[in-house]
């Protein structure tokens, strides 16, 4: 009897894992963070594009998020794309900032579909507790691309989307 229950439980767990693997998404490792804090964006890429290896990853840095600094990644080139701010801001050290990083691109690597990896950027989150901040990402593969860029509409959940953008919910500042 115990063996039958254990076998059934293992089978159910395997089927659950298989179903989750079919619906794996690009996500952030930590999905809650204090508003107005430094945050390590860890973009997790669980697979390639329908069996094709990943060869580039682009991460959009949303407006209001500042101070983006990508972590170098062995085997990949990293580029920070900047844009002029409509109005200058003052950083936590009293410096006037007139540009911000709007995207990070990792290229030149090759991540097989059977492998998993993470792409890291440090940022300063906006001071908007309760808000959800979306980091749209595009995963380019040798054949095709997965565009994790969908943001839920009012009343919609990220679970309703095929390619939800990775997100972090801002909590009260520490």
Protein backbone atom coordinates (compact mmCIF):
# COMPACT_ATOMS: atom_id res chain seq x y z
CA UNK A 1 0.00 0.00 0.00
CA UNK A 2 2.78 2.44 0.93
CA UNK A 3 4.64 1.61 -2.28
CA UNK A 4 1.51 2.33 -4.35
CA UNK A 5 0.95 5.70 -2.68
CA UNK A 6 4.62 6.63 -3.09
CA UNK A 7 4.57 5.64 -6.78
CA UNK A 8 1.40 7.62 -7.36
CA UNK A 9 2.86 10.66 -5.58
CA UNK A 10 6.10 10.45 -7.60
CA UNK A 11 4.15 10.11 -10.85
CA UNK A 12 1.99 13.14 -9.98
CA UNK A 13 5.07 15.15 -9.06
CA UNK A 14 6.76 14.21 -12.35
CA UNK A 15 3.69 15.17 -14.36
CA UNK A 16 3.47 18.46 -12.47
CA UNK A 17 7.13 19.20 -13.21
CA UNK A 18 6.66 18.30 -16.85
CA UNK A 19 3.68 20.63 -17.17
CA UNK A 20 5.64 23.43 -15.49
CA UNK A 21 8.61 22.85 -17.79
CA UNK A 22 6.33 23.34 -20.79
CA UNK A 23 5.24 26.69 -19.37
CA UNK A 24 8.64 27.91 -18.14
CA UNK A 25 9.11 31.66 -18.45
CA UNK A 26 11.96 34.10 -18.17
CA UNK A 27 11.61 35.40 -14.61
CA UNK A 28 13.42 37.41 -11.97
CA UNK A 29 15.00 35.45 -9.14
CA UNK A 30 13.62 37.81 -6.45
CA UNK A 31 10.14 39.14 -7.22
CA UNK A 32 9.70 41.56 -4.27
CA UNK A 33 12.04 44.36 -3.20
CA UNK A 34 11.88 47.54 -1.12
CA UNK A 35 11.03 50.68 -3.07
CA UNK A 36 13.89 53.19 -3.44
CA UNK A 37 16.51 50.49 -2.87
CA UNK A 38 19.32 48.94 -4.85
CA UNK A 39 18.17 45.68 -6.41
CA UNK A 40 20.04 42.90 -8.17
CA UNK A 41 18.00 42.00 -11.27
CA UNK A 42 18.71 38.32 -11.89
CA UNK A 43 17.03 37.38 -15.17
CA UNK A 44 16.65 33.59 -15.31
CA UNK A 45 16.49 31.96 -18.74
CA UNK A 46 15.30 28.38 -18.29
CA UNK A 47 15.62 27.18 -21.90
CA UNK A 48 16.21 28.20 -25.50
CA UNK A 49 13.57 28.86 -28.16
CA UNK A 50 11.77 25.62 -29.06
CA UNK A 51 15.01 23.65 -28.92
CA UNK A 52 17.25 26.32 -30.49
CA UNK A 53 20.23 27.71 -28.47
CA UNK A 54 20.05 31.25 -27.05
CA UNK A 55 22.63 33.58 -28.65
CA UNK A 56 21.56 36.99 -27.29
CA UNK A 57 19.53 38.44 -24.43
CA UNK A 58 18.16 41.99 -24.29
CA UNK A 59 16.73 43.45 -21.09
CA UNK A 60 14.76 46.69 -21.05
CA UNK A 61 15.32 48.92 -18.02
CA UNK A 62 11.97 50.59 -17.26
CA UNK A 63 11.58 54.33 -16.78
CA UNK A 64 12.06 55.34 -13.17
CA UNK A 65 14.70 52.65 -12.66
CA UNK A 66 18.16 54.23 -12.52
CA UNK A 67 21.82 53.40 -12.01
CA UNK A 68 21.76 50.20 -14.07
CA UNK A 69 25.12 48.41 -14.09
CA UNK A 70 25.35 45.04 -15.85
CA UNK A 71 27.49 42.26 -14.43
CA UNK A 72 30.05 41.00 -16.96
CA UNK A 73 29.38 37.45 -18.08
CA UNK A 74 32.16 35.14 -19.20
CA UNK A 75 31.76 34.23 -22.88
CA UNK A 76 29.32 37.06 -23.57
CA UNK A 77 29.80 40.68 -24.61
CA UNK A 78 27.70 43.18 -22.69
CA UNK A 79 26.49 46.57 -23.90
CA UNK A 80 24.56 49.22 -21.99
CA UNK A 81 22.32 51.38 -24.21
CA UNK A 82 21.73 54.87 -22.80
CA UNK A 83 19.17 57.60 -23.38
CA UNK A 84 18.89 61.27 -22.41
CA UNK A 85 16.55 62.02 -19.52
CA UNK A 86 13.74 64.51 -20.19
CA UNK A 87 14.67 66.18 -16.90
CA UNK A 88 17.94 65.71 -14.98
CA UNK A 89 17.77 63.89 -11.65
CA UNK A 90 20.02 63.94 -8.59
CA UNK A 91 21.44 60.61 -7.43
CA UNK A 92 21.94 59.52 -3.81
CA UNK A 93 25.44 61.09 -3.83
CA UNK A 94 24.21 64.53 -4.96
CA UNK A 95 25.39 64.12 -8.58
CA UNK A 96 23.26 65.47 -11.44
CA UNK A 97 22.34 62.69 -13.86
CA UNK A 98 21.29 63.54 -17.44
CA UNK A 99 21.30 60.05 -19.00
CA UNK A 100 20.18 56.61 -17.94
CA UNK A 101 20.69 53.05 -19.12
CA UNK A 102 17.55 51.99 -21.00
CA UNK A 103 18.62 48.52 -22.18
CA UNK A 104 21.29 45.91 -21.56
CA UNK A 105 22.37 43.56 -24.38
CA UNK A 106 24.33 40.33 -23.92
CA UNK A 107 25.63 38.86 -27.19
CA UNK A 108 28.29 36.48 -28.46
CA UNK A 109 27.49 33.58 -26.15
CA UNK A 110 25.65 30.36 -26.82
CA UNK A 111 23.28 28.83 -24.28
CA UNK A 112 22.01 25.40 -25.28
CA UNK A 113 18.30 24.68 -24.91
CA UNK A 114 19.09 21.98 -22.35
CA UNK A 115 20.93 24.49 -20.11
CA UNK A 116 19.85 27.22 -17.74
CA UNK A 117 21.55 30.57 -17.08
CA UNK A 118 21.18 33.94 -15.38
CA UNK A 119 21.92 37.49 -16.57
CA UNK A 120 22.54 40.09 -13.85
CA UNK A 121 22.16 43.88 -13.56
CA UNK A 122 22.23 46.09 -10.45
CA UNK A 123 19.69 48.94 -10.43
CA UNK A 124 18.08 51.53 -8.17
CA UNK A 125 14.31 50.99 -7.93
CA UNK A 126 11.83 53.89 -7.90
CA UNK A 127 10.25 55.08 -4.67
CA UNK A 128 6.77 53.78 -5.49
CA UNK A 129 5.72 51.15 -2.91
CA UNK A 130 2.96 48.84 -4.11
CA UNK A 131 3.88 49.27 -7.78
CA UNK A 132 4.94 46.37 -9.98
CA UNK A 133 7.94 47.14 -12.19
CA UNK A 134 8.28 45.15 -15.42
CA UNK A 135 11.60 44.33 -17.10
CA UNK A 136 10.70 43.24 -20.66
CA UNK A 137 13.27 40.82 -22.09
CA UNK A 138 13.96 39.35 -25.51
CA UNK A 139 15.75 36.03 -25.81
CA UNK A 140 17.19 35.65 -29.32
CA UNK A 141 18.03 32.17 -30.53
CA UNK A 142 19.77 30.68 -33.55
CA UNK A 143 16.26 30.00 -34.84
CA UNK A 144 13.58 32.37 -33.60
CA UNK A 145 13.16 34.42 -30.45
CA UNK A 146 11.08 34.46 -27.28
CA UNK A 147 9.82 37.95 -26.45
CA UNK A 148 9.05 38.11 -22.73
CA UNK A 149 7.46 41.54 -23.11
CA UNK A 150 3.74 41.20 -22.29
CA UNK A 151 2.47 43.36 -19.43
CA UNK A 152 -0.94 42.52 -17.96
CA UNK A 153 -3.78 44.93 -18.66
CA UNK A 154 -5.95 46.24 -15.82
CA UNK A 155 -7.68 43.25 -14.17
CA UNK A 156 -5.48 40.73 -15.98
CA UNK A 157 -2.88 38.44 -14.40
CA UNK A 158 0.58 37.57 -15.72
CA UNK A 159 -0.67 33.96 -15.70
CA UNK A 160 -3.10 34.94 -18.48
CA UNK A 161 -0.21 35.83 -20.80
CA UNK A 162 1.89 33.60 -23.05
CA UNK A 163 5.09 35.69 -22.72
CA UNK A 164 4.82 37.77 -19.52
CA UNK A 165 7.56 40.32 -18.83
CA UNK A 166 9.68 39.53 -15.76
CA UNK A 167 8.56 41.66 -12.81
CA UNK A 168 9.30 42.82 -9.29
CA UNK A 169 6.72 44.17 -6.82
CA UNK A 170 7.91 47.09 -4.72
CA UNK A 171 7.32 46.88 -0.97
CA UNK A 172 7.59 49.62 1.68
CA UNK A 173 11.12 51.00 1.97
CA UNK A 174 13.29 49.62 4.77
